[in-house]
Amino acid sequence: MLGLAGALVAACGQGDGDRLASGIFRVAGSQRAPSMEMREHTVEYSVIPATRGMVHAPDALVVFERNLGPALEQRIVLPNTTALRGDNVIQIRAQTNASARLGEFNFAELTARFGGLPAPFERLTDSALMSGEDSLGSYVYAREMIGNSTQCVLVLRRLTVGARPLPSGTQALDVMMRNCVDGSLEAALAPVGERSLGVGGNVAGANYTLSPHAAPRR
């Protein structure tokens, strides 16, 4: 199998070879995506204006972005007023059919692409996830209650063309958020709920300030 992969990749251009290699590894049962792994380890983030964020996050402390070739990724850092370590952050990847299997939402691969699970969810497995749904579609999440008042959530969801307009040239938005708050579960989930992720006209009460084409064309 590896010999076949090497021969096929050598016969293609670099971009085609990266995509083909990723596909072969996946057919063979591996979650590896060689071209994306290389970019994830070498492409740096840059700070961008909050107005270019792919989701509405008025409380964002800073927004980072990096271009991974077939995908565009943003990290939106939210305030953390709790005593728990680590950032509250929304990670977003604008996916194409060259960067993700759009017909499959895979917990292991998605968390690997986002660099693993944040505290306090490092040992989370997919069997512990709960499901939710709003007008944008379904999502999965885990929650941890710390002390008497601190709620921590980890949320994973994929938004497709049917849910809302997407950045130009992409077919899905993959979202992962860790958010710890001194408050309710609803408050912890809110930054990736329908009112934050929706675009005005698609969701009642959604924000009109967000441009669905915020991401630059590639």
C-alpha atoms as a PDB file:
ATOM      1  CA  MET A   1       0.000   0.000   0.000  1.00  0.00           C
ATOM      2  CA  LEU A   2       2.797   2.438   0.872  1.00  0.00           C
ATOM      3  CA  GLY A   3       4.593   1.650  -2.377  1.00  0.00           C
ATOM      4  CA  LEU A   4       1.431   2.365  -4.322  1.00  0.00           C
ATOM      5  CA  ALA A   5       0.958   5.651  -2.448  1.00  0.00           C
ATOM      6  CA  GLY A   6       4.521   6.723  -3.231  1.00  0.00           C
ATOM      7  CA  ALA A   7       4.177   5.927  -6.925  1.00  0.00           C
ATOM      8  CA  LEU A   8       0.876   7.718  -7.284  1.00  0.00           C
ATOM      9  CA  VAL A   9       1.994  10.813  -5.404  1.00  0.00           C
ATOM     10  CA  ALA A  10       5.190  11.031  -7.455  1.00  0.00           C
ATOM     11  CA  ALA A  11       3.138  11.066 -10.632  1.00  0.00           C
ATOM     12  CA  CYS A  12       1.108  14.093  -9.532  1.00  0.00           C
ATOM     13  CA  GLY A  13       1.771  17.759  -8.953  1.00  0.00           C
ATOM     14  CA  GLN A  14       2.448  18.894  -5.400  1.00  0.00           C
ATOM     15  CA  GLY A  15      -1.136  19.997  -4.648  1.00  0.00           C
ATOM     16  CA  ASP A  16      -2.679  16.908  -6.240  1.00  0.00           C
ATOM     17  CA  GLY A  17      -0.152  14.709  -4.490  1.00  0.00           C
ATOM     18  CA  ASP A  18      -0.972  16.147  -1.077  1.00  0.00           C
ATOM     19  CA  ARG A  19      -4.685  15.526  -1.569  1.00  0.00           C
ATOM     20  CA  LEU A  20      -4.136  12.042  -2.978  1.00  0.00           C
ATOM     21  CA  ALA A  21      -1.780  11.072  -0.154  1.00  0.00           C
ATOM     22  CA  SER A  22      -4.308  12.224   2.428  1.00  0.00           C
ATOM     23  CA  GLY A  23      -7.031  10.227   0.716  1.00  0.00           C
ATOM     24  CA  ILE A  24      -4.912   7.065   0.554  1.00  0.00           C
ATOM     25  CA  PHE A  25      -4.020   7.253   4.235  1.00  0.00           C
ATOM     26  CA  ARG A  26      -7.700   7.641   5.083  1.00  0.00           C
ATOM     27  CA  VAL A  27      -8.729   4.683   2.908  1.00  0.00           C
ATOM     28  CA  ALA A  28      -6.106   2.650   4.742  1.00  0.00           C
ATOM     29  CA  GLY A  29      -7.810   3.440   8.049  1.00  0.00           C
ATOM     30  CA  SER A  30      -5.511   6.223   9.263  1.00  0.00           C
ATOM     31  CA  GLN A  31      -6.658   9.650  10.448  1.00  0.00           C
ATOM     32  CA  ARG A  32      -3.456  11.203   9.099  1.00  0.00           C
ATOM     33  CA  ALA A  33      -3.735  14.058   6.624  1.00  0.00           C
ATOM     34  CA  PRO A  34      -0.085  14.645   5.626  1.00  0.00           C
ATOM     35  CA  SER A  35      -0.427  17.936   3.787  1.00  0.00           C
ATOM     36  CA  MET A  36      -2.578  19.524   6.475  1.00  0.00           C
ATOM     37  CA  GLU A  37      -0.353  18.215   9.273  1.00  0.00           C
ATOM     38  CA  MET A  38       2.661  19.863   7.663  1.00  0.00           C
ATOM     39  CA  ARG A  39       0.869  23.193   7.274  1.00  0.00           C
ATOM     40  CA  GLU A  40      -0.525  23.042  10.801  1.00  0.00           C
ATOM     41  CA  HIS A  41       3.000  22.730  12.161  1.00  0.00           C
ATOM     42  CA  THR A  42       4.591  25.400   9.969  1.00  0.00           C
ATOM     43  CA  VAL A  43       2.031  28.105   9.106  1.00  0.00           C
ATOM     44  CA  GLU A  44       1.878  30.840  11.729  1.00  0.00           C
ATOM     45  CA  TYR A  45      -1.101  32.871  12.853  1.00  0.00           C
ATOM     46  CA  SER A  46      -1.354  36.614  12.381  1.00  0.00           C
ATOM     47  CA  VAL A  47      -3.588  39.062  14.223  1.00  0.00           C
ATOM     48  CA  ILE A  48      -6.516  40.388  12.207  1.00  0.00           C
ATOM     49  CA  PRO A  49      -9.251  42.949  12.976  1.00  0.00           C
ATOM     50  CA  ALA A  50     -12.224  41.482  14.838  1.00  0.00           C
ATOM     51  CA  THR A  51     -14.453  42.707  12.011  1.00  0.00           C
ATOM     52  CA  ARG A  52     -12.913  40.000   9.783  1.00  0.00           C
ATOM     53  CA  GLY A  53     -13.968  37.220  12.120  1.00  0.00           C
ATOM     54  CA  MET A  54     -16.061  34.498  10.517  1.00  0.00           C
ATOM     55  CA  VAL A  55     -18.428  34.557  13.495  1.00  0.00           C
ATOM     56  CA  HIS A  56     -19.801  37.410  15.573  1.00  0.00           C
ATOM     57  CA  ALA A  57     -17.823  37.689  18.820  1.00  0.00           C
ATOM     58  CA  PRO A  58     -18.194  41.203  20.266  1.00  0.00           C
ATOM     59  CA  ASP A  59     -16.306  40.257  23.449  1.00  0.00           C
ATOM     60  CA  ALA A  60     -13.259  38.882  21.604  1.00  0.00           C
ATOM     61  CA  LEU A  61      -9.914  39.875  23.092  1.00  0.00           C
ATOM     62  CA  VAL A  62      -8.001  39.082  19.897  1.00  0.00           C
ATOM     63  CA  VAL A  63      -8.611  37.275  16.602  1.00  0.00           C
ATOM     64  CA  PHE A  64      -5.895  35.216  14.881  1.00  0.00           C
ATOM     65  CA  GLU A  65      -5.942  33.832  11.353  1.00  0.00           C
ATOM     66  CA  ARG A  66      -3.805  31.584   9.182  1.00  0.00           C
ATOM     67  CA  ASN A  67      -4.148  30.341   5.621  1.00  0.00           C
ATOM     68  CA  LEU A  68      -3.625  26.582   5.363  1.00  0.00           C
ATOM     69  CA  GLY A  69      -4.028  26.452   1.604  1.00  0.00           C
ATOM     70  CA  PRO A  70      -7.241  24.483   1.087  1.00  0.00           C
ATOM     71  CA  ALA A  71      -8.605  25.765   4.420  1.00  0.00           C
ATOM     72  CA  LEU A  72      -8.639  29.026   6.358  1.00  0.00           C
ATOM     73  CA  GLU A  73      -8.455  28.913  10.154  1.00  0.00           C
ATOM     74  CA  GLN A  74      -9.250  31.470  12.837  1.00  0.00           C
ATOM     75  CA  ARG A  75      -8.819  31.500  16.618  1.00  0.00           C
ATOM     76  CA  ILE A  76     -11.037  33.907  18.529  1.00  0.00           C
ATOM     77  CA  VAL A  77      -9.897  34.381  22.110  1.00  0.00           C
ATOM     78  CA  LEU A  78     -12.691  35.158  24.571  1.00  0.00           C
ATOM     79  CA  PRO A  79     -12.434  36.552  28.110  1.00  0.00           C
ATOM     80  CA  ASN A  80     -11.910  34.057  30.929  1.00  0.00           C
ATOM     81  CA  THR A  81     -13.103  35.467  34.241  1.00  0.00           C
ATOM     82  CA  THR A  82     -12.853  32.119  36.043  1.00  0.00           C
ATOM     83  CA  ALA A  83      -9.936  30.703  38.018  1.00  0.00           C
ATOM     84  CA  LEU A  84      -9.438  27.868  35.513  1.00  0.00           C
ATOM     85  CA  ARG A  85      -6.268  27.765  33.435  1.00  0.00           C
ATOM     86  CA  GLY A  86      -6.259  28.179  29.688  1.00  0.00           C
ATOM     87  CA  ASP A  87      -7.999  30.408  27.194  1.00  0.00           C
ATOM     88  CA  ASN A  88     -11.627  30.468  26.310  1.00  0.00           C
ATOM     89  CA  VAL A  89     -11.379  30.194  22.548  1.00  0.00           C
ATOM     90  CA  ILE A  90     -13.464  29.593  19.444  1.00  0.00           C
ATOM     91  CA  GLN A  91     -11.537  27.769  16.734  1.00  0.00           C
ATOM     92  CA  ILE A  92     -12.997  27.899  13.225  1.00  0.00           C
ATOM     93  CA  ARG A  93     -11.834  26.217  10.056  1.00  0.00           C
ATOM     94  CA  ALA A  94     -13.418  27.109   6.713  1.00  0.00           C
ATOM     95  CA  GLN A  95     -13.261  23.762   4.927  1.00  0.00           C
ATOM     96  CA  THR A  96     -13.191  22.707   1.291  1.00  0.00           C
ATOM     97  CA  ASN A  97     -13.451  19.226  -0.185  1.00  0.00           C
ATOM     98  CA  ALA A  98      -9.633  19.237  -0.343  1.00  0.00           C
ATOM     99  CA  SER A  99      -9.246  19.828   3.413  1.00  0.00           C
ATOM    100  CA  ALA A 100     -11.945  17.663   4.982  1.00  0.00           C
ATOM    101  CA  ARG A 101     -14.319  14.786   4.414  1.00  0.00           C
ATOM    102  CA  LEU A 102     -17.431  16.904   4.117  1.00  0.00           C
ATOM    103  CA  GLY A 103     -19.771  13.937   4.333  1.00  0.00           C
ATOM    104  CA  GLU A 104     -18.385  12.778   7.687  1.00  0.00           C
ATOM    105  CA  PHE A 105     -18.081  14.669  10.963  1.00  0.00           C
ATOM    106  CA  ASN A 106     -15.392  12.697  12.780  1.00  0.00           C
ATOM    107  CA  PHE A 107     -14.592  13.532  16.408  1.00  0.00           C
ATOM    108  CA  ALA A 108     -11.038  12.146  16.371  1.00  0.00           C
ATOM    109  CA  GLU A 109     -10.004  13.834  13.144  1.00  0.00           C
ATOM    110  CA  LEU A 110     -11.639  17.166  13.976  1.00  0.00           C
ATOM    111  CA  THR A 111      -9.951  17.415  17.360  1.00  0.00           C
ATOM    112  CA  ALA A 112      -6.621  16.383  15.820  1.00  0.00           C
ATOM    113  CA  ARG A 113      -6.914  19.128  13.215  1.00  0.00           C
ATOM    114  CA  PHE A 114      -7.547  21.679  15.973  1.00  0.00           C
ATOM    115  CA  GLY A 115      -4.492  20.533  17.947  1.00  0.00           C
ATOM    116  CA  GLY A 116      -6.150  18.333  20.554  1.00  0.00           C
ATOM    117  CA  LEU A 117      -8.574  18.956  23.386  1.00  0.00           C
ATOM    118  CA  PRO A 118      -8.186  21.839  25.851  1.00  0.00           C
ATOM    119  CA  ALA A 119      -8.378  21.624  29.642  1.00  0.00           C
ATOM    120  CA  PRO A 120     -10.408  20.363  31.424  1.00  0.00           C
ATOM    121  CA  PHE A 121     -11.459  18.061  28.550  1.00  0.00           C
ATOM    122  CA  GLU A 122      -8.137  16.411  27.682  1.00  0.00           C
ATOM    123  CA  ARG A 123      -9.455  12.876  28.346  1.00  0.00           C
ATOM    124  CA  LEU A 124     -12.845  13.351  26.717  1.00  0.00           C
ATOM    125  CA  THR A 125     -14.069  10.585  24.405  1.00  0.00           C
ATOM    126  CA  ASP A 126     -16.826  10.776  21.852  1.00  0.00           C
ATOM    127  CA  SER A 127     -19.004   8.464  23.940  1.00  0.00           C
ATOM    128  CA  ALA A 128     -19.271  11.188  26.602  1.00  0.00           C
ATOM    129  CA  LEU A 129     -20.610  13.826  24.212  1.00  0.00           C
ATOM    130  CA  MET A 130     -24.161  15.120  24.474  1.00  0.00           C
ATOM    131  CA  SER A 131     -26.172  16.447  21.560  1.00  0.00           C
ATOM    132  CA  GLY A 132     -28.048  19.666  21.007  1.00  0.00           C
ATOM    133  CA  GLU A 133     -29.857  21.372  18.165  1.00  0.00           C
ATOM    134  CA  ASP A 134     -30.870  24.864  17.117  1.00  0.00           C
ATOM    135  CA  SER A 135     -32.033  26.562  13.933  1.00  0.00           C
ATOM    136  CA  LEU A 136     -28.542  26.181  12.391  1.00  0.00           C
ATOM    137  CA  GLY A 137     -28.448  22.427  12.893  1.00  0.00           C
ATOM    138  CA  SER A 138     -27.106  19.947  15.392  1.00  0.00           C
ATOM    139  CA  TYR A 139     -24.009  20.092  17.583  1.00  0.00           C
ATOM    140  CA  VAL A 140     -22.313  18.003  20.251  1.00  0.00           C
ATOM    141  CA  TYR A 141     -20.895  19.171  23.542  1.00  0.00           C
ATOM    142  CA  ALA A 142     -19.450  18.150  26.870  1.00  0.00           C
ATOM    143  CA  ARG A 143     -19.764  20.025  30.147  1.00  0.00           C
ATOM    144  CA  GLU A 144     -17.842  20.142  33.403  1.00  0.00           C
ATOM    145  CA  MET A 145     -19.120  21.791  36.562  1.00  0.00           C
ATOM    146  CA  ILE A 146     -16.220  23.177  38.581  1.00  0.00           C
ATOM    147  CA  GLY A 147     -17.094  24.104  42.156  1.00  0.00           C
ATOM    148  CA  ASN A 148     -20.511  25.583  42.753  1.00  0.00           C
ATOM    149  CA  SER A 149     -20.788  28.062  39.898  1.00  0.00           C
ATOM    150  CA  THR A 150     -18.248  27.554  37.097  1.00  0.00           C
ATOM    151  CA  GLN A 151     -19.522  25.917  33.933  1.00  0.00           C
ATOM    152  CA  CYS A 152     -17.041  24.681  31.325  1.00  0.00           C
ATOM    153  CA  VAL A 153     -18.199  23.487  27.926  1.00  0.00           C
ATOM    154  CA  LEU A 154     -16.528  22.034  24.867  1.00  0.00           C
ATOM    155  CA  VAL A 155     -18.673  22.399  21.752  1.00  0.00           C
ATOM    156  CA  LEU A 156     -18.121  20.895  18.293  1.00  0.00           C
ATOM    157  CA  ARG A 157     -20.252  21.654  15.281  1.00  0.00           C
ATOM    158  CA  ARG A 158     -20.185  21.884  11.500  1.00  0.00           C
ATOM    159  CA  LEU A 159     -22.111  24.555   9.609  1.00  0.00           C
ATOM    160  CA  THR A 160     -22.868  23.898   5.965  1.00  0.00           C
ATOM    161  CA  VAL A 161     -24.260  25.964   3.116  1.00  0.00           C
ATOM    162  CA  GLY A 162     -27.791  25.120   4.190  1.00  0.00           C
ATOM    163  CA  ALA A 163     -27.263  26.674   7.622  1.00  0.00           C
ATOM    164  CA  ARG A 164     -25.832  30.066   6.629  1.00  0.00           C
ATOM    165  CA  PRO A 165     -23.739  31.762   3.921  1.00  0.00           C
ATOM    166  CA  LEU A 166     -20.109  30.676   4.054  1.00  0.00           C
ATOM    167  CA  PRO A 167     -16.797  32.365   3.190  1.00  0.00           C
ATOM    168  CA  SER A 168     -16.163  32.411  -0.536  1.00  0.00           C
ATOM    169  CA  GLY A 169     -14.986  29.099  -1.983  1.00  0.00           C
ATOM    170  CA  THR A 170     -15.676  26.970   1.104  1.00  0.00           C
ATOM    171  CA  GLN A 171     -18.258  24.277   1.775  1.00  0.00           C
ATOM    172  CA  ALA A 172     -18.384  24.105   5.591  1.00  0.00           C
ATOM    173  CA  LEU A 173     -17.347  25.813   8.796  1.00  0.00           C
ATOM    174  CA  ASP A 174     -15.994  23.482  11.475  1.00  0.00           C
ATOM    175  CA  VAL A 175     -16.175  25.028  14.935  1.00  0.00           C
ATOM    176  CA  MET A 176     -14.701  23.978  18.267  1.00  0.00           C
ATOM    177  CA  MET A 177     -15.117  26.096  21.402  1.00  0.00           C
ATOM    178  CA  ARG A 178     -13.899  25.840  24.964  1.00  0.00           C
ATOM    179  CA  ASN A 179     -15.720  28.271  27.195  1.00  0.00           C
ATOM    180  CA  CYS A 180     -15.649  28.427  30.986  1.00  0.00           C
ATOM    181  CA  VAL A 181     -17.946  30.916  32.706  1.00  0.00           C
ATOM    182  CA  ASP A 182     -19.304  31.694  36.132  1.00  0.00           C
ATOM    183  CA  GLY A 183     -22.892  31.256  35.074  1.00  0.00           C
ATOM    184  CA  SER A 184     -25.395  28.997  33.382  1.00  0.00           C
ATOM    185  CA  LEU A 185     -24.949  26.319  30.754  1.00  0.00           C
ATOM    186  CA  GLU A 186     -26.842  28.532  28.316  1.00  0.00           C
ATOM    187  CA  ALA A 187     -24.352  31.370  28.883  1.00  0.00           C
ATOM    188  CA  ALA A 188     -21.423  29.020  28.310  1.00  0.00           C
ATOM    189  CA  LEU A 189     -22.887  27.738  25.029  1.00  0.00           C
ATOM    190  CA  ALA A 190     -23.982  31.140  23.723  1.00  0.00           C
ATOM    191  CA  PRO A 191     -20.841  32.175  21.754  1.00  0.00           C
ATOM    192  CA  VAL A 192     -21.441  29.331  19.271  1.00  0.00           C
ATOM    193  CA  GLY A 193     -25.219  29.415  19.384  1.00  0.00           C
ATOM    194  CA  GLU A 194     -27.555  30.419  16.596  1.00  0.00           C
ATOM    195  CA  ARG A 195     -27.568  34.128  17.422  1.00  0.00           C
ATOM    196  CA  SER A 196     -23.771  34.355  17.285  1.00  0.00           C
ATOM    197  CA  LEU A 197     -23.129  32.077  14.317  1.00  0.00           C
ATOM    198  CA  GLY A 198     -26.141  33.049  12.245  1.00  0.00           C
ATOM    199  CA  VAL A 199     -26.107  35.789   9.639  1.00  0.00           C
ATOM    200  CA  GLY A 200     -28.896  38.371   9.683  1.00  0.00           C
ATOM    201  CA  GLY A 201     -31.810  37.219   7.565  1.00  0.00           C
ATOM    202  CA  ASN A 202     -31.118  33.538   8.303  1.00  0.00           C
ATOM    203  CA  VAL A 203     -31.730  33.600  12.046  1.00  0.00           C
ATOM    204  CA  ALA A 204     -34.055  35.841  14.018  1.00  0.00           C
ATOM    205  CA  GLY A 205     -31.994  38.141  16.210  1.00  0.00           C
ATOM    206  CA  ALA A 206     -28.727  37.314  14.430  1.00  0.00           C
ATOM    207  CA  ASN A 207     -26.171  40.007  13.697  1.00  0.00           C
ATOM    208  CA  TYR A 208     -26.059  41.922  10.431  1.00  0.00           C
ATOM    209  CA  THR A 209     -22.523  43.190  11.038  1.00  0.00           C
ATOM    210  CA  LEU A 210     -20.930  39.850  10.150  1.00  0.00           C
ATOM    211  CA  SER A 211     -19.959  39.462   6.521  1.00  0.00           C
ATOM    212  CA  PRO A 212     -20.433  35.904   5.255  1.00  0.00           C
ATOM    213  CA  HIS A 213     -17.553  36.586   2.838  1.00  0.00           C
ATOM    214  CA  ALA A 214     -15.137  37.808   5.525  1.00  0.00           C
ATOM    215  CA  ALA A 215     -12.466  35.337   4.538  1.00  0.00           C
ATOM    216  CA  PRO A 216     -10.148  36.431   1.700  1.00  0.00           C
ATOM    217  CA  ARG A 217     -10.386  34.646  -1.634  1.00  0.00           C
ATOM    218  CA  ARG A 218      -7.604  32.164  -2.296  1.00  0.00           C
END
